[in-house]
Amino acid sequence: MFETKTLLKPVRGDIRVTFDGEQILESRMRSDRDPNMQSGLQAKWLGDML
């Protein structure tokens, strides 16, 4: 799961989100957020709710 609502739409072209095996890249650039931590926290929250 990757929250894309925080990505700004570029003036030209598209944003391409990829995973290189270690990190998530936004248009070949490293994200300034840590989506792995975000996913882990969301999974823990969901587990606690269930």
C-alpha atoms as a PDB file:
ATOM      1  CA  MET A   1       0.000   0.000   0.000  1.00  0.00           C
ATOM      2  CA  PHE A   2       1.363   3.427  -0.925  1.00  0.00           C
ATOM      3  CA  GLU A   3      -0.472   6.633  -0.251  1.00  0.00           C
ATOM      4  CA  THR A   4      -0.325   8.636  -3.473  1.00  0.00           C
ATOM      5  CA  LYS A   5      -2.550  11.525  -2.484  1.00  0.00           C
ATOM      6  CA  THR A   6       0.534  13.392  -1.218  1.00  0.00           C
ATOM      7  CA  LEU A   7       2.307  13.300  -4.596  1.00  0.00           C
ATOM      8  CA  LEU A   8       2.130  16.525  -6.551  1.00  0.00           C
ATOM      9  CA  LYS A   9       1.166  16.209 -10.190  1.00  0.00           C
ATOM     10  CA  PRO A  10       4.000  17.498 -12.372  1.00  0.00           C
ATOM     11  CA  VAL A  11       3.430  20.242 -14.940  1.00  0.00           C
ATOM     12  CA  ARG A  12       4.534  17.811 -17.668  1.00  0.00           C
ATOM     13  CA  GLY A  13       4.552  14.049 -17.814  1.00  0.00           C
ATOM     14  CA  ASP A  14       3.432  11.479 -15.298  1.00  0.00           C
ATOM     15  CA  ILE A  15       4.614  10.312 -11.912  1.00  0.00           C
ATOM     16  CA  ARG A  16       5.826   6.735 -12.002  1.00  0.00           C
ATOM     17  CA  VAL A  17       6.054   4.936  -8.656  1.00  0.00           C
ATOM     18  CA  THR A  18       8.482   1.994  -8.694  1.00  0.00           C
ATOM     19  CA  PHE A  19      10.144  -0.335  -6.197  1.00  0.00           C
ATOM     20  CA  ASP A  20      13.802  -1.190  -6.788  1.00  0.00           C
ATOM     21  CA  GLY A  21      13.881  -4.020  -4.253  1.00  0.00           C
ATOM     22  CA  GLU A  22      14.896  -1.786  -1.355  1.00  0.00           C
ATOM     23  CA  GLN A  23      13.086   1.515  -1.627  1.00  0.00           C
ATOM     24  CA  ILE A  24      10.136   3.160  -3.320  1.00  0.00           C
ATOM     25  CA  LEU A  25      11.012   5.668  -6.025  1.00  0.00           C
ATOM     26  CA  GLU A  26       8.794   8.452  -7.350  1.00  0.00           C
ATOM     27  CA  SER A  27       9.764   9.167 -10.960  1.00  0.00           C
ATOM     28  CA  ARG A  28      13.210   7.611 -10.295  1.00  0.00           C
ATOM     29  CA  MET A  29      13.766   9.790  -7.205  1.00  0.00           C
ATOM     30  CA  ARG A  30      13.854   8.576  -3.619  1.00  0.00           C
ATOM     31  CA  SER A  31      10.741   9.488  -1.645  1.00  0.00           C
ATOM     32  CA  ASP A  32      11.139  11.967   1.205  1.00  0.00           C
ATOM     33  CA  ARG A  33       8.689   9.836   3.202  1.00  0.00           C
ATOM     34  CA  ASP A  34       9.151   6.317   4.551  1.00  0.00           C
ATOM     35  CA  PRO A  35       6.264   4.293   3.085  1.00  0.00           C
ATOM     36  CA  ASN A  36       7.605   1.075   4.666  1.00  0.00           C
ATOM     37  CA  MET A  37       7.159   2.576   8.120  1.00  0.00           C
ATOM     38  CA  GLN A  38       3.751   3.965   7.131  1.00  0.00           C
ATOM     39  CA  SER A  39       2.607   0.526   5.920  1.00  0.00           C
ATOM     40  CA  GLY A  40       3.861  -1.138   9.098  1.00  0.00           C
ATOM     41  CA  LEU A  41       2.030   1.349  11.296  1.00  0.00           C
ATOM     42  CA  GLN A  42      -1.169   0.953   9.271  1.00  0.00           C
ATOM     43  CA  ALA A  43      -0.918  -2.843   9.505  1.00  0.00           C
ATOM     44  CA  LYS A  44      -0.429  -2.634  13.291  1.00  0.00           C
ATOM     45  CA  TRP A  45      -3.389  -0.256  13.606  1.00  0.00           C
ATOM     46  CA  LEU A  46      -5.595  -2.604  11.573  1.00  0.00           C
ATOM     47  CA  GLY A  47      -4.437  -5.613  13.614  1.00  0.00           C
ATOM     48  CA  ASP A  48      -5.294  -3.782  16.844  1.00  0.00           C
ATOM     49  CA  MET A  49      -8.740  -2.902  15.478  1.00  0.00           C
ATOM     50  CA  LEU A  50      -9.477  -6.514  14.575  1.00  0.00           C
END
